[in-house]
N, C-alpha and C. Protein backbone atom coordinates (compact mmCIF):
# COMPACT_ATOMS: atom_id res chain seq x y z
N MET A 1 -44.47 33.76 -44.56
CA MET A 1 -43.62 32.58 -44.27
C MET A 1 -42.15 32.94 -44.53
N THR A 2 -41.28 32.69 -43.57
CA THR A 2 -39.87 33.02 -43.75
C THR A 2 -39.19 31.97 -44.61
N ILE A 3 -38.01 32.35 -45.12
CA ILE A 3 -37.24 31.42 -45.95
C ILE A 3 -36.83 30.20 -45.15
N GLN A 4 -36.44 30.42 -43.87
CA GLN A 4 -35.98 29.31 -43.04
C GLN A 4 -37.10 28.32 -42.76
N THR A 5 -38.34 28.86 -42.51
CA THR A 5 -39.48 27.98 -42.28
C THR A 5 -39.77 27.13 -43.50
N SER A 6 -39.64 27.74 -44.67
CA SER A 6 -39.85 27.00 -45.91
C SER A 6 -38.84 25.89 -46.07
N LEU A 7 -37.57 26.17 -45.71
CA LEU A 7 -36.53 25.14 -45.79
C LEU A 7 -36.81 24.00 -44.83
N ASP A 8 -37.29 24.35 -43.62
CA ASP A 8 -37.60 23.32 -42.63
C ASP A 8 -38.69 22.39 -43.13
N ARG A 9 -39.68 22.94 -43.80
CA ARG A 9 -40.79 22.09 -44.29
C ARG A 9 -40.33 21.16 -45.39
N ASN A 10 -39.29 21.57 -46.11
CA ASN A 10 -38.79 20.72 -47.20
C ASN A 10 -37.93 19.58 -46.68
N LEU A 11 -37.44 19.69 -45.44
CA LEU A 11 -36.62 18.64 -44.85
C LEU A 11 -37.53 17.61 -44.21
N LYS A 12 -37.47 16.40 -44.67
CA LYS A 12 -38.33 15.34 -44.16
C LYS A 12 -37.59 14.50 -43.15
N SER A 13 -38.33 13.87 -42.27
CA SER A 13 -37.72 12.95 -41.32
C SER A 13 -37.21 11.72 -42.07
N PRO A 14 -36.18 11.03 -41.52
CA PRO A 14 -35.60 9.89 -42.20
C PRO A 14 -36.64 8.83 -42.55
N ILE A 15 -36.60 8.34 -43.79
CA ILE A 15 -37.52 7.29 -44.23
C ILE A 15 -36.93 5.95 -43.81
N ARG A 16 -37.49 5.34 -42.79
CA ARG A 16 -36.89 4.12 -42.27
C ARG A 16 -37.60 2.86 -42.72
N PHE A 17 -38.85 2.97 -43.21
CA PHE A 17 -39.66 1.78 -43.48
C PHE A 17 -39.51 0.81 -42.31
N PRO A 18 -39.90 1.22 -41.10
CA PRO A 18 -39.53 0.53 -39.86
C PRO A 18 -39.65 -0.97 -39.85
N ALA A 19 -40.81 -1.53 -40.20
CA ALA A 19 -40.99 -2.97 -39.99
C ALA A 19 -41.01 -3.75 -41.29
N LEU A 20 -40.31 -3.26 -42.30
CA LEU A 20 -40.31 -3.94 -43.58
C LEU A 20 -38.90 -4.29 -44.02
N GLU A 21 -38.75 -5.48 -44.54
CA GLU A 21 -37.50 -5.92 -45.16
C GLU A 21 -37.80 -6.17 -46.62
N PHE A 22 -37.02 -5.58 -47.55
CA PHE A 22 -37.30 -5.71 -48.97
C PHE A 22 -36.41 -6.80 -49.56
N GLY A 23 -37.03 -7.88 -50.02
CA GLY A 23 -36.29 -8.94 -50.68
C GLY A 23 -36.35 -8.80 -52.17
N ALA A 24 -35.82 -9.77 -52.88
CA ALA A 24 -35.80 -9.71 -54.33
C ALA A 24 -37.21 -9.81 -54.91
N GLU A 25 -38.10 -10.55 -54.21
CA GLU A 25 -39.44 -10.74 -54.75
C GLU A 25 -40.53 -10.25 -53.81
N ASN A 26 -40.36 -10.51 -52.52
CA ASN A 26 -41.44 -10.21 -51.59
C ASN A 26 -40.99 -9.23 -50.51
N ILE A 27 -41.96 -8.58 -49.89
CA ILE A 27 -41.71 -7.74 -48.73
C ILE A 27 -42.01 -8.58 -47.49
N VAL A 28 -41.04 -8.74 -46.63
CA VAL A 28 -41.17 -9.59 -45.46
C VAL A 28 -41.39 -8.72 -44.23
N ILE A 29 -42.40 -9.03 -43.44
CA ILE A 29 -42.68 -8.30 -42.22
C ILE A 29 -41.69 -8.72 -41.14
N VAL A 30 -41.06 -7.74 -40.51
CA VAL A 30 -40.11 -8.00 -39.44
C VAL A 30 -40.87 -8.22 -38.13
N ARG A 31 -40.57 -9.28 -37.42
CA ARG A 31 -41.18 -9.54 -36.12
C ARG A 31 -40.13 -9.30 -35.04
N TYR A 32 -40.47 -8.42 -34.12
CA TYR A 32 -39.55 -8.07 -33.04
C TYR A 32 -39.81 -8.97 -31.84
N LYS A 33 -38.74 -9.50 -31.27
CA LYS A 33 -38.86 -10.39 -30.13
C LYS A 33 -38.88 -9.62 -28.82
N LYS A 34 -39.41 -10.26 -27.81
CA LYS A 34 -39.47 -9.67 -26.47
C LYS A 34 -38.06 -9.35 -25.98
N GLY A 35 -37.91 -8.14 -25.43
CA GLY A 35 -36.61 -7.73 -24.90
C GLY A 35 -35.74 -6.96 -25.88
N ARG A 36 -36.12 -6.94 -27.15
CA ARG A 36 -35.31 -6.21 -28.14
C ARG A 36 -35.46 -4.70 -27.94
N ILE A 37 -34.35 -4.00 -28.05
CA ILE A 37 -34.34 -2.55 -27.94
C ILE A 37 -34.55 -1.95 -29.34
N VAL A 38 -35.53 -1.08 -29.46
CA VAL A 38 -35.89 -0.49 -30.75
C VAL A 38 -36.08 1.02 -30.56
N GLU A 39 -36.46 1.68 -31.64
CA GLU A 39 -36.84 3.09 -31.57
C GLU A 39 -38.25 3.23 -32.13
N VAL A 40 -39.05 4.06 -31.47
CA VAL A 40 -40.45 4.24 -31.84
C VAL A 40 -40.68 5.68 -32.29
N LEU A 41 -41.29 5.84 -33.44
CA LEU A 41 -41.56 7.16 -34.00
C LEU A 41 -42.82 7.75 -33.38
N SER A 42 -42.70 9.04 -32.98
CA SER A 42 -43.85 9.76 -32.43
C SER A 42 -43.95 11.12 -33.09
N LYS A 43 -45.16 11.55 -33.39
CA LYS A 43 -45.39 12.87 -33.99
C LYS A 43 -46.03 13.83 -32.97
N ASN A 44 -46.03 13.46 -31.69
CA ASN A 44 -46.69 14.27 -30.66
C ASN A 44 -45.90 15.52 -30.29
N GLU A 45 -44.56 15.43 -30.33
CA GLU A 45 -43.73 16.54 -29.86
C GLU A 45 -43.43 17.56 -30.95
N VAL A 46 -42.93 17.07 -32.09
CA VAL A 46 -42.54 17.95 -33.19
C VAL A 46 -43.12 17.41 -34.49
N PRO A 47 -43.43 18.29 -35.47
CA PRO A 47 -44.01 17.83 -36.74
C PRO A 47 -43.13 16.87 -37.51
N SER A 48 -41.81 17.06 -37.42
CA SER A 48 -40.90 16.19 -38.17
C SER A 48 -40.75 14.82 -37.54
N GLY A 49 -41.27 14.66 -36.32
CA GLY A 49 -41.21 13.37 -35.65
C GLY A 49 -40.01 13.24 -34.72
N SER A 50 -40.14 12.39 -33.73
CA SER A 50 -39.05 12.11 -32.80
C SER A 50 -38.98 10.62 -32.56
N TRP A 51 -37.77 10.12 -32.31
CA TRP A 51 -37.54 8.69 -32.12
C TRP A 51 -37.20 8.41 -30.67
N HIS A 52 -38.05 7.60 -30.02
CA HIS A 52 -37.88 7.25 -28.62
C HIS A 52 -37.31 5.84 -28.50
N CYS A 53 -36.31 5.68 -27.67
CA CYS A 53 -35.75 4.36 -27.41
C CYS A 53 -36.71 3.58 -26.52
N ALA A 54 -36.97 2.32 -26.88
CA ALA A 54 -37.94 1.52 -26.12
C ALA A 54 -37.56 0.04 -26.18
N GLU A 55 -38.17 -0.72 -25.28
CA GLU A 55 -37.97 -2.17 -25.22
C GLU A 55 -39.27 -2.88 -25.57
N ILE A 56 -39.16 -3.90 -26.42
CA ILE A 56 -40.33 -4.69 -26.78
C ILE A 56 -40.76 -5.56 -25.59
N ILE A 57 -42.03 -5.42 -25.19
CA ILE A 57 -42.56 -6.26 -24.12
C ILE A 57 -43.27 -7.48 -24.70
N CYS A 58 -44.14 -7.23 -25.67
CA CYS A 58 -44.83 -8.31 -26.35
C CYS A 58 -45.45 -7.75 -27.63
N GLY A 59 -45.91 -8.65 -28.50
CA GLY A 59 -46.53 -8.21 -29.73
C GLY A 59 -46.97 -9.39 -30.58
N ASN A 60 -47.77 -9.08 -31.60
CA ASN A 60 -48.29 -10.13 -32.48
C ASN A 60 -47.81 -9.97 -33.93
N GLY A 61 -46.84 -9.10 -34.15
CA GLY A 61 -46.34 -8.87 -35.51
C GLY A 61 -46.97 -7.66 -36.16
N HIS A 62 -48.13 -7.26 -35.69
CA HIS A 62 -48.82 -6.09 -36.23
C HIS A 62 -48.78 -4.91 -35.24
N ASN A 63 -48.94 -5.21 -33.98
CA ASN A 63 -48.88 -4.20 -32.92
C ASN A 63 -48.02 -4.72 -31.77
N TYR A 64 -47.34 -3.81 -31.10
CA TYR A 64 -46.43 -4.20 -30.03
C TYR A 64 -46.65 -3.32 -28.80
N THR A 65 -46.46 -3.93 -27.64
CA THR A 65 -46.42 -3.16 -26.40
C THR A 65 -44.96 -2.89 -26.08
N VAL A 66 -44.64 -1.61 -25.89
CA VAL A 66 -43.25 -1.22 -25.66
C VAL A 66 -43.13 -0.46 -24.36
N ARG A 67 -41.95 -0.50 -23.78
CA ARG A 67 -41.64 0.28 -22.57
C ARG A 67 -40.54 1.28 -22.92
N TYR A 68 -40.86 2.56 -22.79
CA TYR A 68 -39.91 3.61 -23.15
C TYR A 68 -38.86 3.81 -22.06
N GLU A 69 -37.69 4.26 -22.48
CA GLU A 69 -36.65 4.64 -21.53
C GLU A 69 -36.90 6.09 -21.13
N MET A 70 -37.40 6.28 -19.92
CA MET A 70 -37.75 7.62 -19.44
C MET A 70 -37.03 7.89 -18.11
N GLY A 71 -37.28 9.07 -17.56
CA GLY A 71 -36.69 9.44 -16.28
C GLY A 71 -37.33 8.69 -15.13
N PRO A 72 -36.71 8.74 -13.96
CA PRO A 72 -37.24 8.00 -12.79
C PRO A 72 -38.60 8.51 -12.32
N ALA A 73 -38.96 9.75 -12.69
CA ALA A 73 -40.23 10.32 -12.24
C ALA A 73 -41.41 9.92 -13.13
N ALA A 74 -41.15 9.24 -14.23
CA ALA A 74 -42.21 8.88 -15.17
C ALA A 74 -43.11 7.78 -14.59
N THR A 75 -44.40 7.85 -14.89
CA THR A 75 -45.35 6.85 -14.42
C THR A 75 -45.42 5.68 -15.40
N ASP A 76 -46.03 4.56 -14.97
CA ASP A 76 -46.15 3.39 -15.82
C ASP A 76 -46.97 3.70 -17.07
N GLU A 77 -47.98 4.58 -16.92
CA GLU A 77 -48.81 4.92 -18.07
C GLU A 77 -48.00 5.66 -19.13
N ALA A 78 -47.00 6.41 -18.68
CA ALA A 78 -46.21 7.22 -19.61
C ALA A 78 -45.14 6.40 -20.33
N ILE A 79 -44.70 5.31 -19.70
CA ILE A 79 -43.58 4.58 -20.28
C ILE A 79 -44.00 3.31 -21.00
N VAL A 80 -45.24 2.89 -20.88
CA VAL A 80 -45.73 1.68 -21.57
C VAL A 80 -46.82 2.09 -22.55
N GLU A 81 -46.70 1.59 -23.78
CA GLU A 81 -47.66 1.99 -24.82
C GLU A 81 -47.79 0.89 -25.86
N ARG A 82 -48.95 0.82 -26.47
CA ARG A 82 -49.20 -0.11 -27.57
C ARG A 82 -49.06 0.66 -28.87
N VAL A 83 -48.16 0.20 -29.75
CA VAL A 83 -47.88 0.94 -30.98
C VAL A 83 -47.93 0.00 -32.19
N SER A 84 -48.14 0.58 -33.35
CA SER A 84 -48.14 -0.18 -34.59
C SER A 84 -46.72 -0.52 -35.01
N ARG A 85 -46.55 -1.63 -35.70
CA ARG A 85 -45.22 -2.03 -36.19
C ARG A 85 -44.66 -1.00 -37.16
N LYS A 86 -45.54 -0.22 -37.82
CA LYS A 86 -45.10 0.78 -38.78
C LYS A 86 -44.35 1.93 -38.12
N SER A 87 -44.51 2.05 -36.81
CA SER A 87 -43.83 3.13 -36.08
C SER A 87 -42.55 2.66 -35.41
N ILE A 88 -42.19 1.39 -35.61
CA ILE A 88 -41.02 0.82 -34.94
C ILE A 88 -39.87 0.65 -35.92
N SER A 89 -38.68 0.96 -35.43
CA SER A 89 -37.47 0.81 -36.24
C SER A 89 -36.36 0.22 -35.38
N PRO A 90 -35.46 -0.55 -35.98
CA PRO A 90 -34.27 -0.98 -35.23
C PRO A 90 -33.45 0.24 -34.82
N CYS A 91 -32.63 0.10 -33.81
CA CYS A 91 -31.76 1.19 -33.40
C CYS A 91 -30.64 1.36 -34.42
N PRO A 92 -30.38 2.58 -34.87
CA PRO A 92 -29.33 2.79 -35.87
C PRO A 92 -27.95 2.55 -35.28
N PRO A 93 -27.00 2.07 -36.07
CA PRO A 93 -25.64 1.85 -35.57
C PRO A 93 -24.95 3.18 -35.32
N PRO A 94 -24.00 3.22 -34.39
CA PRO A 94 -23.30 4.47 -34.11
C PRO A 94 -22.42 4.90 -35.29
N VAL A 95 -22.52 6.15 -35.67
CA VAL A 95 -21.69 6.73 -36.73
C VAL A 95 -21.07 8.01 -36.18
N LYS A 96 -19.77 8.13 -36.28
CA LYS A 96 -19.07 9.30 -35.73
C LYS A 96 -19.48 10.55 -36.47
N LEU A 97 -19.80 11.59 -35.69
CA LEU A 97 -20.19 12.87 -36.26
C LEU A 97 -18.98 13.57 -36.85
N SER A 98 -19.19 14.27 -37.95
CA SER A 98 -18.10 14.98 -38.61
C SER A 98 -17.51 16.05 -37.70
N GLU A 99 -16.18 16.22 -37.77
CA GLU A 99 -15.50 17.21 -36.95
C GLU A 99 -15.74 18.63 -37.46
N ASN A 100 -16.07 18.76 -38.73
CA ASN A 100 -16.21 20.10 -39.33
C ASN A 100 -17.67 20.48 -39.54
N CYS A 101 -18.45 20.39 -38.45
CA CYS A 101 -19.84 20.83 -38.52
C CYS A 101 -19.88 22.35 -38.70
N VAL A 102 -20.80 22.81 -39.51
CA VAL A 102 -20.94 24.24 -39.77
C VAL A 102 -22.41 24.62 -39.62
N PRO A 103 -22.68 25.90 -39.37
CA PRO A 103 -24.07 26.35 -39.29
C PRO A 103 -24.86 25.97 -40.54
N GLY A 104 -26.04 25.43 -40.33
CA GLY A 104 -26.87 24.97 -41.45
C GLY A 104 -26.91 23.46 -41.58
N ASP A 105 -25.95 22.77 -40.96
CA ASP A 105 -25.95 21.31 -41.00
C ASP A 105 -27.17 20.77 -40.24
N VAL A 106 -27.73 19.68 -40.75
CA VAL A 106 -28.89 19.05 -40.11
C VAL A 106 -28.45 17.73 -39.48
N ALA A 107 -28.81 17.53 -38.22
CA ALA A 107 -28.48 16.30 -37.51
C ALA A 107 -29.67 15.95 -36.61
N GLU A 108 -29.49 14.94 -35.78
CA GLU A 108 -30.51 14.58 -34.79
C GLU A 108 -29.95 14.91 -33.41
N VAL A 109 -30.78 15.56 -32.59
CA VAL A 109 -30.36 15.97 -31.25
C VAL A 109 -31.19 15.20 -30.21
N PHE A 110 -30.54 14.80 -29.14
CA PHE A 110 -31.22 14.06 -28.08
C PHE A 110 -31.78 15.07 -27.08
N GLN A 111 -33.11 15.13 -26.98
CA GLN A 111 -33.78 16.07 -26.09
C GLN A 111 -35.03 15.41 -25.52
N ASN A 112 -35.20 15.51 -24.20
CA ASN A 112 -36.38 14.91 -23.53
C ASN A 112 -36.54 13.43 -23.88
N PHE A 113 -35.44 12.69 -23.82
CA PHE A 113 -35.44 11.23 -24.00
C PHE A 113 -35.83 10.79 -25.41
N SER A 114 -35.64 11.65 -26.40
CA SER A 114 -35.93 11.26 -27.78
C SER A 114 -35.01 12.01 -28.73
N TRP A 115 -34.85 11.43 -29.93
CA TRP A 115 -34.01 12.04 -30.97
C TRP A 115 -34.90 12.82 -31.93
N LYS A 116 -34.54 14.10 -32.14
CA LYS A 116 -35.31 14.98 -33.02
C LYS A 116 -34.37 15.64 -34.03
N MET A 117 -34.91 15.96 -35.19
CA MET A 117 -34.12 16.63 -36.22
C MET A 117 -33.91 18.08 -35.83
N ALA A 118 -32.67 18.55 -35.99
CA ALA A 118 -32.33 19.92 -35.62
C ALA A 118 -31.30 20.49 -36.59
N THR A 119 -31.23 21.80 -36.63
CA THR A 119 -30.28 22.50 -37.47
C THR A 119 -29.22 23.17 -36.59
N VAL A 120 -27.96 23.03 -36.96
CA VAL A 120 -26.88 23.69 -36.23
C VAL A 120 -26.92 25.18 -36.55
N SER A 121 -27.09 26.00 -35.52
CA SER A 121 -27.14 27.45 -35.71
C SER A 121 -25.76 28.09 -35.56
N LYS A 122 -24.97 27.56 -34.62
CA LYS A 122 -23.65 28.14 -34.37
C LYS A 122 -22.75 27.11 -33.72
N VAL A 123 -21.49 27.14 -34.08
CA VAL A 123 -20.49 26.27 -33.45
C VAL A 123 -19.84 27.06 -32.32
N LEU A 124 -20.08 26.63 -31.08
CA LEU A 124 -19.56 27.35 -29.92
C LEU A 124 -18.18 26.86 -29.52
N GLY A 125 -17.83 25.72 -29.97
CA GLY A 125 -16.53 25.13 -29.65
C GLY A 125 -16.43 23.79 -30.34
N ARG A 126 -15.35 23.06 -30.06
CA ARG A 126 -15.15 21.78 -30.73
C ARG A 126 -16.24 20.79 -30.39
N ASN A 127 -16.72 20.84 -29.14
CA ASN A 127 -17.71 19.85 -28.69
C ASN A 127 -19.00 20.50 -28.19
N CYS A 128 -19.28 21.72 -28.61
CA CYS A 128 -20.46 22.42 -28.14
C CYS A 128 -21.11 23.18 -29.30
N PHE A 129 -22.44 23.09 -29.39
CA PHE A 129 -23.14 23.69 -30.51
C PHE A 129 -24.42 24.38 -30.03
N LEU A 130 -24.83 25.37 -30.82
CA LEU A 130 -26.12 26.01 -30.62
C LEU A 130 -27.03 25.49 -31.72
N VAL A 131 -28.15 24.87 -31.35
CA VAL A 131 -29.03 24.24 -32.34
C VAL A 131 -30.47 24.69 -32.12
N ARG A 132 -31.30 24.40 -33.11
CA ARG A 132 -32.74 24.62 -32.98
C ARG A 132 -33.46 23.49 -33.70
N LEU A 133 -34.58 23.08 -33.14
CA LEU A 133 -35.38 22.02 -33.75
C LEU A 133 -36.01 22.53 -35.03
N LEU A 134 -36.19 21.64 -36.00
CA LEU A 134 -36.81 22.04 -37.25
C LEU A 134 -38.23 22.54 -37.00
N GLY A 135 -38.53 23.69 -37.58
CA GLY A 135 -39.84 24.28 -37.38
C GLY A 135 -39.93 25.19 -36.18
N SER A 136 -38.84 25.29 -35.41
CA SER A 136 -38.83 26.13 -34.21
C SER A 136 -37.73 27.19 -34.34
N SER A 137 -37.96 28.33 -33.73
CA SER A 137 -36.95 29.40 -33.72
C SER A 137 -36.16 29.42 -32.42
N HIS A 138 -36.57 28.58 -31.46
CA HIS A 138 -35.88 28.53 -30.16
C HIS A 138 -34.55 27.81 -30.30
N GLU A 139 -33.49 28.45 -29.85
CA GLU A 139 -32.15 27.87 -29.91
C GLU A 139 -31.70 27.45 -28.51
N PHE A 140 -30.96 26.36 -28.44
CA PHE A 140 -30.44 25.89 -27.17
C PHE A 140 -29.09 25.22 -27.38
N LYS A 141 -28.33 25.15 -26.32
CA LYS A 141 -26.95 24.64 -26.39
C LYS A 141 -26.94 23.13 -26.12
N VAL A 142 -26.15 22.42 -26.91
CA VAL A 142 -26.01 20.97 -26.72
C VAL A 142 -24.55 20.57 -26.85
N SER A 143 -24.23 19.45 -26.26
CA SER A 143 -22.89 18.88 -26.39
C SER A 143 -22.85 17.97 -27.61
N LYS A 144 -21.65 17.68 -28.05
CA LYS A 144 -21.49 16.83 -29.22
C LYS A 144 -22.05 15.43 -28.98
N VAL A 145 -22.01 14.97 -27.74
CA VAL A 145 -22.52 13.62 -27.43
C VAL A 145 -24.03 13.54 -27.59
N ASP A 146 -24.70 14.70 -27.62
CA ASP A 146 -26.15 14.73 -27.78
C ASP A 146 -26.57 14.91 -29.24
N LEU A 147 -25.62 14.82 -30.16
CA LEU A 147 -25.91 14.90 -31.59
C LEU A 147 -25.54 13.58 -32.25
N ARG A 148 -26.29 13.21 -33.26
CA ARG A 148 -25.93 12.02 -34.03
C ARG A 148 -26.27 12.24 -35.50
N VAL A 149 -25.61 11.47 -36.34
CA VAL A 149 -25.79 11.55 -37.79
C VAL A 149 -27.17 11.00 -38.16
N ARG A 150 -27.83 11.65 -39.09
CA ARG A 150 -29.11 11.15 -39.58
C ARG A 150 -28.88 9.91 -40.44
N GLN A 151 -29.72 8.88 -40.22
CA GLN A 151 -29.63 7.65 -40.99
C GLN A 151 -31.02 7.21 -41.43
N SER A 152 -31.05 6.52 -42.55
CA SER A 152 -32.31 6.03 -43.10
C SER A 152 -32.26 4.50 -43.19
N TRP A 153 -33.33 3.87 -42.71
CA TRP A 153 -33.45 2.40 -42.71
C TRP A 153 -34.27 1.98 -43.92
N GLN A 154 -33.61 1.37 -44.92
CA GLN A 154 -34.30 0.96 -46.14
C GLN A 154 -33.79 -0.39 -46.60
N GLY A 155 -34.71 -1.26 -46.91
CA GLY A 155 -34.34 -2.57 -47.44
C GLY A 155 -33.48 -3.38 -46.51
N GLY A 156 -33.67 -3.20 -45.20
CA GLY A 156 -32.88 -3.96 -44.24
C GLY A 156 -31.47 -3.45 -44.03
N LYS A 157 -31.17 -2.24 -44.52
CA LYS A 157 -29.84 -1.65 -44.37
C LYS A 157 -29.96 -0.20 -43.95
N TRP A 158 -28.90 0.28 -43.29
CA TRP A 158 -28.84 1.68 -42.87
C TRP A 158 -28.04 2.49 -43.87
N PHE A 159 -28.56 3.67 -44.20
CA PHE A 159 -27.88 4.58 -45.11
C PHE A 159 -27.71 5.93 -44.41
N VAL A 160 -26.50 6.46 -44.45
CA VAL A 160 -26.20 7.73 -43.79
C VAL A 160 -26.71 8.89 -44.63
N ILE A 161 -27.32 9.87 -43.97
CA ILE A 161 -27.79 11.09 -44.62
C ILE A 161 -26.96 12.24 -44.09
N GLY A 162 -26.22 12.92 -44.95
CA GLY A 162 -25.43 14.06 -44.51
C GLY A 162 -23.98 13.71 -44.28
N LYS A 163 -23.32 14.51 -43.43
CA LYS A 163 -21.87 14.39 -43.23
C LYS A 163 -21.52 13.21 -42.36
N VAL A 164 -20.37 12.59 -42.68
CA VAL A 164 -19.81 11.53 -41.85
C VAL A 164 -18.30 11.70 -41.83
N VAL A 165 -17.67 11.07 -40.88
CA VAL A 165 -16.21 11.09 -40.82
C VAL A 165 -15.67 9.97 -41.68
N LEU A 166 -14.78 10.30 -42.59
CA LEU A 166 -14.20 9.30 -43.47
C LEU A 166 -13.14 8.50 -42.73
N SER A 167 -13.01 7.24 -43.10
CA SER A 167 -11.99 6.40 -42.49
C SER A 167 -10.61 6.84 -42.97
N GLU A 168 -9.57 6.40 -42.25
CA GLU A 168 -8.21 6.81 -42.60
C GLU A 168 -7.84 6.34 -43.99
N SER A 169 -8.30 5.14 -44.38
CA SER A 169 -7.97 4.62 -45.70
C SER A 169 -8.59 5.47 -46.80
N VAL A 170 -9.86 5.87 -46.58
CA VAL A 170 -10.54 6.71 -47.57
C VAL A 170 -9.88 8.08 -47.64
N LEU A 171 -9.53 8.63 -46.47
CA LEU A 171 -8.85 9.92 -46.45
C LEU A 171 -7.51 9.84 -47.16
N GLY A 172 -6.80 8.71 -46.96
CA GLY A 172 -5.52 8.53 -47.63
C GLY A 172 -5.67 8.51 -49.14
N LEU A 173 -6.68 7.81 -49.62
CA LEU A 173 -6.93 7.77 -51.06
C LEU A 173 -7.29 9.15 -51.59
N GLN A 174 -8.09 9.89 -50.79
CA GLN A 174 -8.48 11.22 -51.22
C GLN A 174 -7.27 12.15 -51.31
N LEU A 175 -6.39 12.07 -50.29
CA LEU A 175 -5.20 12.91 -50.30
C LEU A 175 -4.28 12.55 -51.46
N LYS A 176 -4.15 11.23 -51.69
CA LYS A 176 -3.30 10.77 -52.79
C LYS A 176 -3.86 11.25 -54.12
N TYR A 177 -5.17 11.13 -54.30
CA TYR A 177 -5.81 11.58 -55.52
C TYR A 177 -5.65 13.09 -55.69
N SER A 178 -5.80 13.82 -54.56
CA SER A 178 -5.66 15.28 -54.62
C SER A 178 -4.25 15.67 -55.02
N SER A 179 -3.24 14.96 -54.49
CA SER A 179 -1.85 15.28 -54.83
C SER A 179 -1.57 15.01 -56.30
N VAL A 180 -2.04 13.86 -56.80
CA VAL A 180 -1.83 13.52 -58.21
C VAL A 180 -2.53 14.52 -59.11
N ARG A 181 -3.74 14.91 -58.72
CA ARG A 181 -4.50 15.87 -59.52
C ARG A 181 -3.80 17.22 -59.55
N SER A 182 -3.28 17.66 -58.40
CA SER A 182 -2.57 18.94 -58.34
C SER A 182 -1.33 18.91 -59.21
N LEU A 183 -0.58 17.79 -59.16
CA LEU A 183 0.63 17.66 -59.97
C LEU A 183 0.29 17.67 -61.46
N PHE A 184 -0.79 16.99 -61.82
CA PHE A 184 -1.22 16.96 -63.22
C PHE A 184 -1.60 18.35 -63.70
N MET A 185 -2.37 19.09 -62.88
CA MET A 185 -2.79 20.44 -63.25
C MET A 185 -1.59 21.37 -63.38
N TYR A 186 -0.56 21.18 -62.54
CA TYR A 186 0.64 22.01 -62.62
C TYR A 186 1.36 21.81 -63.95
N TYR A 187 1.60 20.54 -64.31
CA TYR A 187 2.30 20.27 -65.57
C TYR A 187 1.46 20.65 -66.77
N LEU A 188 0.14 20.53 -66.65
CA LEU A 188 -0.74 20.95 -67.74
C LEU A 188 -0.63 22.46 -67.95
N GLY A 189 -0.56 23.21 -66.85
CA GLY A 189 -0.40 24.66 -66.95
C GLY A 189 0.92 25.03 -67.58
N VAL A 190 2.00 24.35 -67.17
CA VAL A 190 3.31 24.61 -67.76
C VAL A 190 3.30 24.33 -69.25
N LEU A 191 2.65 23.22 -69.63
CA LEU A 191 2.59 22.85 -71.05
C LEU A 191 1.83 23.90 -71.85
N VAL A 192 0.73 24.40 -71.30
CA VAL A 192 -0.06 25.42 -72.00
C VAL A 192 0.72 26.71 -72.15
N LEU A 193 1.42 27.13 -71.07
CA LEU A 193 2.22 28.36 -71.13
C LEU A 193 3.35 28.23 -72.15
N ASN A 194 3.99 27.08 -72.16
CA ASN A 194 5.07 26.86 -73.13
C ASN A 194 4.54 26.87 -74.56
N SER A 195 3.35 26.32 -74.76
CA SER A 195 2.76 26.31 -76.09
C SER A 195 2.41 27.72 -76.55
N LEU A 196 1.86 28.52 -75.63
CA LEU A 196 1.54 29.91 -75.96
C LEU A 196 2.80 30.71 -76.29
N ALA A 197 3.86 30.49 -75.49
CA ALA A 197 5.12 31.20 -75.73
C ALA A 197 5.71 30.81 -77.08
N SER A 198 5.68 29.53 -77.41
CA SER A 198 6.21 29.05 -78.69
C SER A 198 5.41 29.64 -79.85
N ALA A 199 4.10 29.73 -79.69
CA ALA A 199 3.26 30.28 -80.75
C ALA A 199 3.56 31.76 -80.99
N LYS A 200 3.76 32.53 -79.92
CA LYS A 200 4.07 33.94 -80.05
C LYS A 200 5.42 34.16 -80.72
N ILE A 201 6.41 33.35 -80.35
CA ILE A 201 7.75 33.46 -80.98
C ILE A 201 7.66 33.15 -82.47
N PHE A 202 6.87 32.12 -82.81
CA PHE A 202 6.73 31.75 -84.22
C PHE A 202 6.09 32.89 -85.02
N ILE A 203 5.05 33.52 -84.44
CA ILE A 203 4.36 34.60 -85.13
C ILE A 203 5.27 35.82 -85.28
N PHE A 204 6.11 36.05 -84.24
CA PHE A 204 7.04 37.18 -84.31
C PHE A 204 8.07 36.97 -85.41
N CYS A 205 8.55 35.75 -85.55
CA CYS A 205 9.58 35.46 -86.56
C CYS A 205 8.98 35.36 -87.96
N PHE A 206 7.76 34.92 -88.07
CA PHE A 206 7.11 34.76 -89.38
C PHE A 206 5.78 35.51 -89.38
N PRO A 207 5.82 36.83 -89.41
CA PRO A 207 4.58 37.61 -89.31
C PRO A 207 3.63 37.40 -90.48
N ASN A 208 4.16 37.00 -91.65
CA ASN A 208 3.31 36.83 -92.82
C ASN A 208 2.68 35.45 -92.91
N PHE A 209 3.04 34.56 -91.97
CA PHE A 209 2.51 33.21 -92.00
C PHE A 209 1.04 33.25 -91.57
N PRO A 210 0.15 32.59 -92.34
CA PRO A 210 -1.28 32.60 -91.99
C PRO A 210 -1.56 31.92 -90.67
N GLN A 211 -1.67 32.69 -89.63
CA GLN A 211 -1.81 32.14 -88.28
C GLN A 211 -2.73 33.06 -87.47
N ILE A 212 -3.47 32.52 -86.61
CA ILE A 212 -4.32 33.33 -85.73
C ILE A 212 -3.45 33.93 -84.64
N ARG A 213 -3.41 35.26 -84.57
CA ARG A 213 -2.57 35.94 -83.56
C ARG A 213 -3.17 35.78 -82.17
N LEU A 214 -2.30 35.56 -81.20
CA LEU A 214 -2.72 35.37 -79.80
C LEU A 214 -2.60 36.68 -79.03
């Protein structure tokens, strides 16, 4: 077993708890209405799972009939399926992908009408990447529009997993904090150097004074 394969097995698909809302006391089952656009988890393509965009046709709260968004050549049997509520999740909100993606970053890539977990192998340009699906050694080229940030659906809220682009206000605070920290470290260094210099001068002038030599 290679090191990379071992790392892939340790990376789990996002825990979305698809059809559950966690309240203060009880767990409430989410009921999806007809016409709602959702994502359905499938383990048929890749071990880590893939999320297919689909529309709710009907359901009873436990199982739902969904219609997948597929290509024009797909048959009715391929695009309509009865699935458990446990495999259904709301569609995640759009989150801007970080500009500084590096090899080794994990994201979700859109391939064959579904979102799958993938690792960035190489940055080919600002908007082009070489990626491979988790558990696979095959690499392929994708555009930035075909990548999205991993998110986890828990307790009725979305949580981002991995890198995100910080807002201008957060970046401003970070830069301000960085500047203040740098200034503090500079004056701290000057103070330490001055203290060391003063100690050496004192020892030179009073060599017999009981002092630890520097």
